[in-house]
Amino acid sequence: NVSGTLLEGIALWGELKPLLTHEALVERALRYCDL
């Protein structure tokens, strides 16, 4: 997020959503839960 704004963050999340996989979502979430 170059601008650091809320709206660019939402747009960036929109770019990321098609690239998401079930396995990666679970893995990142479990790592965060460990933390």
PDB file of all heavy atoms in Angstrom:
ATOM      1  N   ASN A   1       0.864  -1.183   0.000  1.00  0.00           N
ATOM      2  CA  ASN A   1       0.000   0.000   0.000  1.00  0.00           C
ATOM      3  C   ASN A   1       0.899   1.231   0.000  1.00  0.00           C
ATOM      4  O   ASN A   1       1.477   1.592   1.029  1.00  0.00           O
ATOM      5  CB  ASN A   1      -0.900  -0.032   1.243  1.00  0.00           C
ATOM      6  CG  ASN A   1      -1.912   1.102   1.269  1.00  0.00           C
ATOM      7  OD1 ASN A   1      -1.728   2.150   0.661  1.00  0.00           O
ATOM      8  ND2 ASN A   1      -2.995   0.896   2.012  1.00  0.00           N
ATOM      9  N   VAL A   2       1.038   1.876  -1.155  1.00  0.00           N
ATOM     10  CA  VAL A   2       1.991   2.981  -1.297  1.00  0.00           C
ATOM     11  C   VAL A   2       1.485   4.245  -0.612  1.00  0.00           C
ATOM     12  O   VAL A   2       2.220   4.936   0.086  1.00  0.00           O
ATOM     13  CB  VAL A   2       2.282   3.262  -2.789  1.00  0.00           C
ATOM     14  CG1 VAL A   2       3.212   4.475  -2.945  1.00  0.00           C
ATOM     15  CG2 VAL A   2       2.901   2.038  -3.444  1.00  0.00           C
ATOM     16  N   SER A   3       0.204   4.549  -0.761  1.00  0.00           N
ATOM     17  CA  SER A   3      -0.345   5.775  -0.190  1.00  0.00           C
ATOM     18  C   SER A   3      -0.613   5.651   1.306  1.00  0.00           C
ATOM     19  O   SER A   3      -0.687   6.654   2.018  1.00  0.00           O
ATOM     20  CB  SER A   3      -1.648   6.144  -0.897  1.00  0.00           C
ATOM     21  OG  SER A   3      -2.686   5.214  -0.578  1.00  0.00           O
ATOM     22  N   GLY A   4      -0.773   4.425   1.771  1.00  0.00           N
ATOM     23  CA  GLY A   4      -1.097   4.208   3.169  1.00  0.00           C
ATOM     24  C   GLY A   4      -2.529   4.519   3.536  1.00  0.00           C
ATOM     25  O   GLY A   4      -2.865   4.603   4.719  1.00  0.00           O
ATOM     26  N   THR A   5      -3.404   4.668   2.555  1.00  0.00           N
ATOM     27  CA  THR A   5      -4.785   5.066   2.829  1.00  0.00           C
ATOM     28  C   THR A   5      -5.700   3.853   2.957  1.00  0.00           C
ATOM     29  O   THR A   5      -5.398   2.753   2.484  1.00  0.00           O
ATOM     30  CB  THR A   5      -5.328   5.965   1.710  1.00  0.00           C
ATOM     31  OG1 THR A   5      -5.330   5.226   0.482  1.00  0.00           O
ATOM     32  CG2 THR A   5      -4.486   7.229   1.557  1.00  0.00           C
ATOM     33  N   LEU A   6      -6.847   4.113   3.588  1.00  0.00           N
ATOM     34  CA  LEU A   6      -7.862   3.077   3.727  1.00  0.00           C
ATOM     35  C   LEU A   6      -8.342   2.604   2.357  1.00  0.00           C
ATOM     36  O   LEU A   6      -8.467   1.399   2.106  1.00  0.00           O
ATOM     37  CB  LEU A   6      -9.038   3.622   4.532  1.00  0.00           C
ATOM     38  CG  LEU A   6     -10.297   2.762   4.593  1.00  0.00           C
ATOM     39  CD1 LEU A   6     -10.025   1.466   5.340  1.00  0.00           C
ATOM     40  CD2 LEU A   6     -11.442   3.522   5.257  1.00  0.00           C
ATOM     41  N   LEU A   7      -8.592   3.546   1.450  1.00  0.00           N
ATOM     42  CA  LEU A   7      -9.161   3.182   0.159  1.00  0.00           C
ATOM     43  C   LEU A   7      -8.175   2.378  -0.688  1.00  0.00           C
ATOM     44  O   LEU A   7      -8.575   1.433  -1.376  1.00  0.00           O
ATOM     45  CB  LEU A   7      -9.620   4.435  -0.586  1.00  0.00           C
ATOM     46  CG  LEU A   7     -10.819   5.155   0.043  1.00  0.00           C
ATOM     47  CD1 LEU A   7     -11.201   6.385  -0.773  1.00  0.00           C
ATOM     48  CD2 LEU A   7     -12.012   4.217   0.183  1.00  0.00           C
ATOM     49  N   GLU A   8      -6.882   2.707  -0.626  1.00  0.00           N
ATOM     50  CA  GLU A   8      -5.925   1.882  -1.361  1.00  0.00           C
ATOM     51  C   GLU A   8      -5.825   0.501  -0.729  1.00  0.00           C
ATOM     52  O   GLU A   8      -5.649  -0.500  -1.430  1.00  0.00           O
ATOM     53  CB  GLU A   8      -4.536   2.516  -1.430  1.00  0.00           C
ATOM     54  CG  GLU A   8      -3.594   1.675  -2.290  1.00  0.00           C
ATOM     55  CD  GLU A   8      -2.219   2.269  -2.507  1.00  0.00           C
ATOM     56  OE1 GLU A   8      -1.976   3.420  -2.096  1.00  0.00           O
ATOM     57  OE2 GLU A   8      -1.376   1.563  -3.104  1.00  0.00           O
ATOM     58  N   GLY A   9      -5.951   0.433   0.595  1.00  0.00           N
ATOM     59  CA  GLY A   9      -5.953  -0.871   1.250  1.00  0.00           C
ATOM     60  C   GLY A   9      -7.105  -1.733   0.788  1.00  0.00           C
ATOM     61  O   GLY A   9      -6.937  -2.935   0.536  1.00  0.00           O
ATOM     62  N   ILE A  10      -8.302  -1.130   0.663  1.00  0.00           N
ATOM     63  CA  ILE A  10      -9.461  -1.882   0.173  1.00  0.00           C
ATOM     64  C   ILE A  10      -9.237  -2.334  -1.264  1.00  0.00           C
ATOM     65  O   ILE A  10      -9.534  -3.479  -1.635  1.00  0.00           O
ATOM     66  CB  ILE A  10     -10.730  -1.027   0.298  1.00  0.00           C
ATOM     67  CG1 ILE A  10     -11.076  -0.795   1.776  1.00  0.00           C
ATOM     68  CG2 ILE A  10     -11.911  -1.698  -0.413  1.00  0.00           C
ATOM     69  CD1 ILE A  10     -12.231   0.155   2.011  1.00  0.00           C
ATOM     70  N   ALA A  11      -8.686  -1.435  -2.090  1.00  0.00           N
ATOM     71  CA  ALA A  11      -8.399  -1.790  -3.483  1.00  0.00           C
ATOM     72  C   ALA A  11      -7.358  -2.907  -3.562  1.00  0.00           C
ATOM     73  O   ALA A  11      -7.489  -3.844  -4.369  1.00  0.00           O
ATOM     74  CB  ALA A  11      -7.913  -0.560  -4.241  1.00  0.00           C
ATOM     75  N   LEU A  12      -6.347  -2.831  -2.714  1.00  0.00           N
ATOM     76  CA  LEU A  12      -5.298  -3.844  -2.701  1.00  0.00           C
ATOM     77  C   LEU A  12      -5.848  -5.198  -2.257  1.00  0.00           C
ATOM     78  O   LEU A  12      -5.501  -6.244  -2.818  1.00  0.00           O
ATOM     79  CB  LEU A  12      -4.171  -3.382  -1.769  1.00  0.00           C
ATOM     80  CG  LEU A  12      -2.980  -4.305  -1.570  1.00  0.00           C
ATOM     81  CD1 LEU A  12      -2.387  -4.741  -2.899  1.00  0.00           C
ATOM     82  CD2 LEU A  12      -1.921  -3.605  -0.721  1.00  0.00           C
ATOM     83  N   TRP A  13      -6.731  -5.188  -1.264  1.00  0.00           N
ATOM     84  CA  TRP A  13      -7.378  -6.431  -0.835  1.00  0.00           C
ATOM     85  C   TRP A  13      -8.191  -7.016  -1.986  1.00  0.00           C
ATOM     86  O   TRP A  13      -8.224  -8.236  -2.179  1.00  0.00           O
ATOM     87  CB  TRP A  13      -8.252  -6.158   0.379  1.00  0.00           C
ATOM     88  CG  TRP A  13      -9.082  -7.309   0.848  1.00  0.00           C
ATOM     89  CD1 TRP A  13     -10.437  -7.364   0.918  1.00  0.00           C
ATOM     90  CD2 TRP A  13      -8.625  -8.572   1.349  1.00  0.00           C
ATOM     91  NE1 TRP A  13     -10.871  -8.563   1.425  1.00  0.00           N
ATOM     92  CE2 TRP A  13      -9.779  -9.339   1.695  1.00  0.00           C
ATOM     93  CE3 TRP A  13      -7.365  -9.132   1.532  1.00  0.00           C
ATOM     94  CZ2 TRP A  13      -9.692 -10.626   2.217  1.00  0.00           C
ATOM     95  CZ3 TRP A  13      -7.287 -10.435   2.048  1.00  0.00           C
ATOM     96  CH2 TRP A  13      -8.432 -11.156   2.378  1.00  0.00           C
ATOM     97  N   GLY A  14      -8.813  -6.146  -2.798  1.00  0.00           N
ATOM     98  CA  GLY A  14      -9.544  -6.617  -3.970  1.00  0.00           C
ATOM     99  C   GLY A  14      -8.633  -7.287  -4.972  1.00  0.00           C
ATOM    100  O   GLY A  14      -9.027  -8.264  -5.633  1.00  0.00           O
ATOM    101  N   GLU A  15      -7.404  -6.797  -5.102  1.00  0.00           N
ATOM    102  CA  GLU A  15      -6.425  -7.431  -6.005  1.00  0.00           C
ATOM    103  C   GLU A  15      -5.947  -8.772  -5.449  1.00  0.00           C
ATOM    104  O   GLU A  15      -5.636  -9.702  -6.209  1.00  0.00           O
ATOM    105  CB  GLU A  15      -5.222  -6.501  -6.200  1.00  0.00           C
ATOM    106  CG  GLU A  15      -5.542  -5.190  -6.899  1.00  0.00           C
ATOM    107  CD  GLU A  15      -4.362  -4.238  -6.904  1.00  0.00           C
ATOM    108  OE1 GLU A  15      -3.206  -4.727  -6.787  1.00  0.00           O
ATOM    109  OE2 GLU A  15      -4.572  -3.011  -6.989  1.00  0.00           O
ATOM    110  N   LEU A  16      -5.881  -8.853  -4.133  1.00  0.00           N
ATOM    111  CA  LEU A  16      -5.363 -10.070  -3.520  1.00  0.00           C
ATOM    112  C   LEU A  16      -6.389 -11.204  -3.513  1.00  0.00           C
ATOM    113  O   LEU A  16      -6.026 -12.386  -3.631  1.00  0.00           O
ATOM    114  CB  LEU A  16      -4.911  -9.759  -2.076  1.00  0.00           C
ATOM    115  CG  LEU A  16      -4.422 -10.925  -1.220  1.00  0.00           C
ATOM    116  CD1 LEU A  16      -3.251 -11.639  -1.891  1.00  0.00           C
ATOM    117  CD2 LEU A  16      -4.022 -10.423   0.168  1.00  0.00           C
ATOM    118  N   LYS A  17      -7.679 -10.860  -3.390  1.00  0.00           N
ATOM    119  CA  LYS A  17      -8.702 -11.901  -3.219  1.00  0.00           C
ATOM    120  C   LYS A  17      -8.670 -12.993  -4.296  1.00  0.00           C
ATOM    121  O   LYS A  17      -8.785 -14.181  -3.954  1.00  0.00           O
ATOM    122  CB  LYS A  17     -10.094 -11.254  -3.138  1.00  0.00           C
ATOM    123  CG  LYS A  17     -10.428 -10.731  -1.752  1.00  0.00           C
ATOM    124  CD  LYS A  17     -11.886 -10.371  -1.587  1.00  0.00           C
ATOM    125  CE  LYS A  17     -12.260  -9.096  -2.278  1.00  0.00           C
ATOM    126  NZ  LYS A  17     -13.632  -8.636  -1.911  1.00  0.00           N
ATOM    127  N   PRO A  18      -8.505 -12.657  -5.576  1.00  0.00           N
ATOM    128  CA  PRO A  18      -8.472 -13.738  -6.573  1.00  0.00           C
ATOM    129  C   PRO A  18      -7.270 -14.668  -6.419  1.00  0.00           C
ATOM    130  O   PRO A  18      -7.270 -15.784  -6.963  1.00  0.00           O
ATOM    131  CB  PRO A  18      -8.407 -12.982  -7.908  1.00  0.00           C
ATOM    132  CG  PRO A  18      -8.904 -11.611  -7.614  1.00  0.00           C
ATOM    133  CD  PRO A  18      -8.482 -11.323  -6.225  1.00  0.00           C
ATOM    134  N   LEU A  19      -6.244 -14.227  -5.699  1.00  0.00           N
ATOM    135  CA  LEU A  19      -5.023 -15.011  -5.539  1.00  0.00           C
ATOM    136  C   LEU A  19      -5.041 -15.870  -4.278  1.00  0.00           C
ATOM    137  O   LEU A  19      -4.144 -16.685  -4.067  1.00  0.00           O
ATOM    138  CB  LEU A  19      -3.807 -14.080  -5.492  1.00  0.00           C
ATOM    139  CG  LEU A  19      -3.681 -13.061  -6.635  1.00  0.00           C
ATOM    140  CD1 LEU A  19      -2.469 -12.171  -6.407  1.00  0.00           C
ATOM    141  CD2 LEU A  19      -3.580 -13.777  -7.977  1.00  0.00           C
ATOM    142  N   LEU A  20      -6.053 -15.690  -3.431  1.00  0.00           N
ATOM    143  CA  LEU A  20      -6.105 -16.414  -2.166  1.00  0.00           C
ATOM    144  C   LEU A  20      -6.358 -17.905  -2.382  1.00  0.00           C
ATOM    145  O   LEU A  20      -7.059 -18.298  -3.317  1.00  0.00           O
ATOM    146  CB  LEU A  20      -7.213 -15.848  -1.279  1.00  0.00           C
ATOM    147  CG  LEU A  20      -7.062 -14.402  -0.809  1.00  0.00           C
ATOM    148  CD1 LEU A  20      -8.322 -13.956  -0.076  1.00  0.00           C
ATOM    149  CD2 LEU A  20      -5.845 -14.244   0.094  1.00  0.00           C
ATOM    150  N   THR A  21      -5.796 -18.699  -1.506  1.00  0.00           N
ATOM    151  CA  THR A  21      -6.091 -20.134  -1.481  1.00  0.00           C
ATOM    152  C   THR A  21      -6.507 -20.522  -0.064  1.00  0.00           C
ATOM    153  O   THR A  21      -6.118 -19.873   0.915  1.00  0.00           O
ATOM    154  CB  THR A  21      -4.878 -20.980  -1.892  1.00  0.00           C
ATOM    155  OG1 THR A  21      -3.847 -20.849  -0.887  1.00  0.00           O
ATOM    156  CG2 THR A  21      -4.336 -20.542  -3.243  1.00  0.00           C
ATOM    157  N   HIS A  22      -7.283 -21.561   0.024  1.00  0.00           N
ATOM    158  CA  HIS A  22      -7.744 -22.040   1.325  1.00  0.00           C
ATOM    159  C   HIS A  22      -6.554 -22.356   2.228  1.00  0.00           C
ATOM    160  O   HIS A  22      -6.522 -21.957   3.399  1.00  0.00           O
ATOM    161  CB  HIS A  22      -8.607 -23.289   1.122  1.00  0.00           C
ATOM    162  CG  HIS A  22      -9.139 -23.881   2.381  1.00  0.00           C
ATOM    163  ND1 HIS A  22     -10.373 -23.550   2.897  1.00  0.00           N
ATOM    164  CD2 HIS A  22      -8.603 -24.798   3.249  1.00  0.00           C
ATOM    165  CE1 HIS A  22     -10.583 -24.228   4.015  1.00  0.00           C
ATOM    166  NE2 HIS A  22      -9.530 -24.987   4.247  1.00  0.00           N
ATOM    167  N   GLU A  23      -5.573 -23.047   1.677  1.00  0.00           N
ATOM    168  CA  GLU A  23      -4.431 -23.491   2.467  1.00  0.00           C
ATOM    169  C   GLU A  23      -3.634 -22.312   3.013  1.00  0.00           C
ATOM    170  O   GLU A  23      -3.233 -22.300   4.189  1.00  0.00           O
ATOM    171  CB  GLU A  23      -3.516 -24.399   1.628  1.00  0.00           C
ATOM    172  CG  GLU A  23      -4.130 -25.725   1.225  1.00  0.00           C
ATOM    173  CD  GLU A  23      -5.178 -25.598   0.124  1.00  0.00           C
ATOM    174  OE1 GLU A  23      -5.179 -24.561  -0.586  1.00  0.00           O
ATOM    175  OE2 GLU A  23      -6.000 -26.534  -0.022  1.00  0.00           O
ATOM    176  N   ALA A  24      -3.413 -21.297   2.173  1.00  0.00           N
ATOM    177  CA  ALA A  24      -2.632 -20.139   2.616  1.00  0.00           C
ATOM    178  C   ALA A  24      -3.389 -19.335   3.670  1.00  0.00           C
ATOM    179  O   ALA A  24      -2.794 -18.843   4.637  1.00  0.00           O
ATOM    180  CB  ALA A  24      -2.275 -19.255   1.425  1.00  0.00           C
ATOM    181  N   LEU A  25      -4.695 -19.195   3.493  1.00  0.00           N
ATOM    182  CA  LEU A  25      -5.501 -18.483   4.486  1.00  0.00           C
ATOM    183  C   LEU A  25      -5.431 -19.174   5.842  1.00  0.00           C
ATOM    184  O   LEU A  25      -5.240 -18.525   6.876  1.00  0.00           O
ATOM    185  CB  LEU A  25      -6.959 -18.406   4.027  1.00  0.00           C
ATOM    186  CG  LEU A  25      -7.297 -17.366   2.955  1.00  0.00           C
ATOM    187  CD1 LEU A  25      -8.630 -17.701   2.302  1.00  0.00           C
ATOM    188  CD2 LEU A  25      -7.346 -15.968   3.569  1.00  0.00           C
ATOM    189  N   VAL A  26      -5.592 -20.479   5.844  1.00  0.00           N
ATOM    190  CA  VAL A  26      -5.545 -21.230   7.102  1.00  0.00           C
ATOM    191  C   VAL A  26      -4.171 -21.128   7.734  1.00  0.00           C
ATOM    192  O   VAL A  26      -4.035 -20.893   8.949  1.00  0.00           O
ATOM    193  CB  VAL A  26      -5.926 -22.711   6.862  1.00  0.00           C
ATOM    194  CG1 VAL A  26      -5.643 -23.550   8.104  1.00  0.00           C
ATOM    195  CG2 VAL A  26      -7.392 -22.823   6.462  1.00  0.00           C
ATOM    196  N   GLU A  27      -3.124 -21.274   6.920  1.00  0.00           N
ATOM    197  CA  GLU A  27      -1.758 -21.263   7.456  1.00  0.00           C
ATOM    198  C   GLU A  27      -1.428 -19.924   8.090  1.00  0.00           C
ATOM    199  O   GLU A  27      -0.880 -19.865   9.199  1.00  0.00           O
ATOM    200  CB  GLU A  27      -0.771 -21.586   6.324  1.00  0.00           C
ATOM    201  CG  GLU A  27       0.660 -21.818   6.786  1.00  0.00           C
ATOM    202  CD  GLU A  27       1.508 -20.547   6.811  1.00  0.00           C
ATOM    203  OE1 GLU A  27       1.150 -19.583   6.090  1.00  0.00           O
ATOM    204  OE2 GLU A  27       2.520 -20.511   7.543  1.00  0.00           O
ATOM    205  N   ARG A  28      -1.771 -18.815   7.422  1.00  0.00           N
ATOM    206  CA  ARG A  28      -1.470 -17.494   7.981  1.00  0.00           C
ATOM    207  C   ARG A  28      -2.278 -17.241   9.253  1.00  0.00           C
ATOM    208  O   ARG A  28      -1.769 -16.692  10.232  1.00  0.00           O
ATOM    209  CB  ARG A  28      -1.731 -16.405   6.945  1.00  0.00           C
ATOM    210  CG  ARG A  28      -0.682 -16.319   5.853  1.00  0.00           C
ATOM    211  CD  ARG A  28      -0.781 -15.021   5.073  1.00  0.00           C
ATOM    212  NE  ARG A  28      -1.976 -14.948   4.254  1.00  0.00           N
ATOM    213  CZ  ARG A  28      -2.025 -15.264   2.961  1.00  0.00           C
ATOM    214  NH1 ARG A  28      -0.942 -15.707   2.344  1.00  0.00           N
ATOM    215  NH2 ARG A  28      -3.157 -15.150   2.278  1.00  0.00           N
ATOM    216  N   ALA A  29      -3.536 -17.636   9.239  1.00  0.00           N
ATOM    217  CA  ALA A  29      -4.379 -17.419  10.415  1.00  0.00           C
ATOM    218  C   ALA A  29      -3.877 -18.213  11.616  1.00  0.00           C
ATOM    219  O   ALA A  29      -3.848 -17.705  12.748  1.00  0.00           O
ATOM    220  CB  ALA A  29      -5.822 -17.784  10.103  1.00  0.00           C
ATOM    221  N   LEU A  30      -3.461 -19.461  11.399  1.00  0.00           N
ATOM    222  CA  LEU A  30      -2.953 -20.264  12.507  1.00  0.00           C
ATOM    223  C   LEU A  30      -1.639 -19.694  13.040  1.00  0.00           C
ATOM    224  O   LEU A  30      -1.396 -19.708  14.261  1.00  0.00           O
ATOM    225  CB  LEU A  30      -2.755 -21.713  12.061  1.00  0.00           C
ATOM    226  CG  LEU A  30      -4.035 -22.511  11.820  1.00  0.00           C
ATOM    227  CD1 LEU A  30      -3.713 -23.894  11.272  1.00  0.00           C
ATOM    228  CD2 LEU A  30      -4.858 -22.637  13.109  1.00  0.00           C
ATOM    229  N   ARG A  31      -0.800 -19.189  12.162  1.00  0.00           N
ATOM    230  CA  ARG A  31       0.440 -18.552  12.621  1.00  0.00           C
ATOM    231  C   ARG A  31       0.119 -17.342  13.479  1.00  0.00           C
ATOM    232  O   ARG A  31       0.765 -17.097  14.506  1.00  0.00           O
ATOM    233  CB  ARG A  31       1.298 -18.137  11.424  1.00  0.00           C
ATOM    234  CG  ARG A  31       2.050 -19.281  10.751  1.00  0.00           C
ATOM    235  CD  ARG A  31       2.750 -18.807   9.481  1.00  0.00           C
ATOM    236  NE  ARG A  31       3.616 -17.674   9.733  1.00  0.00           N
ATOM    237  CZ  ARG A  31       3.882 -16.708   8.831  1.00  0.00           C
ATOM    238  NH1 ARG A  31       3.304 -16.750   7.645  1.00  0.00           N
ATOM    239  NH2 ARG A  31       4.692 -15.731   9.134  1.00  0.00           N
ATOM    240  N   TYR A  32      -0.894 -16.572  13.078  1.00  0.00           N
ATOM    241  CA  TYR A  32      -1.260 -15.416  13.890  1.00  0.00           C
ATOM    242  C   TYR A  32      -1.812 -15.869  15.239  1.00  0.00           C
ATOM    243  O   TYR A  32      -1.523 -15.249  16.272  1.00  0.00           O
ATOM    244  CB  TYR A  32      -2.281 -14.529  13.177  1.00  0.00           C
ATOM    245  CG  TYR A  32      -2.608 -13.316  14.028  1.00  0.00           C
ATOM    246  CD1 TYR A  32      -1.715 -12.245  14.088  1.00  0.00           C
ATOM    247  CD2 TYR A  32      -3.746 -13.265  14.825  1.00  0.00           C
ATOM    248  CE1 TYR A  32      -1.963 -11.157  14.910  1.00  0.00           C
ATOM    249  CE2 TYR A  32      -4.006 -12.185  15.652  1.00  0.00           C
ATOM    250  CZ  TYR A  32      -3.104 -11.129  15.687  1.00  0.00           C
ATOM    251  OH  TYR A  32      -3.354 -10.066  16.517  1.00  0.00           O
ATOM    252  N   CYS A  33      -2.582 -16.918  15.254  1.00  0.00           N
ATOM    253  CA  CYS A  33      -3.126 -17.408  16.523  1.00  0.00           C
ATOM    254  C   CYS A  33      -2.019 -17.877  17.459  1.00  0.00           C
ATOM    255  O   CYS A  33      -2.123 -17.705  18.685  1.00  0.00           O
ATOM    256  CB  CYS A  33      -4.139 -18.520  16.266  1.00  0.00           C
ATOM    257  SG  CYS A  33      -5.697 -17.931  15.534  1.00  0.00           S
ATOM    258  N   ASP A  34      -0.960 -18.463  16.921  1.00  0.00           N
ATOM    259  CA  ASP A  34       0.194 -18.812  17.747  1.00  0.00           C
ATOM    260  C   ASP A  34       0.764 -17.558  18.410  1.00  0.00           C
ATOM    261  O   ASP A  34       1.070 -17.551  19.610  1.00  0.00           O
ATOM    262  CB  ASP A  34       1.290 -19.476  16.903  1.00  0.00           C
ATOM    263  CG  ASP A  34       0.877 -20.804  16.313  1.00  0.00           C
ATOM    264  OD1 ASP A  34      -0.086 -21.414  16.820  1.00  0.00           O
ATOM    265  OD2 ASP A  34       1.524 -21.236  15.336  1.00  0.00           O
ATOM    266  N   LEU A  35       0.926 -16.510  17.616  1.00  0.00           N
ATOM    267  CA  LEU A  35       1.438 -15.243  18.140  1.00  0.00           C
ATOM    268  C   LEU A  35       0.496 -14.693  19.200  1.00  0.00           C
ATOM    269  O   LEU A  35       0.930 -14.213  20.260  1.00  0.00           O
ATOM    270  CB  LEU A  35       1.591 -14.239  16.994  1.00  0.00           C
ATOM    271  CG  LEU A  35       2.027 -12.820  17.353  1.00  0.00           C
ATOM    272  CD1 LEU A  35       3.423 -12.823  17.972  1.00  0.00           C
ATOM    273  CD2 LEU A  35       1.983 -11.918  16.121  1.00  0.00           C
TER     274      LEU A  35
END
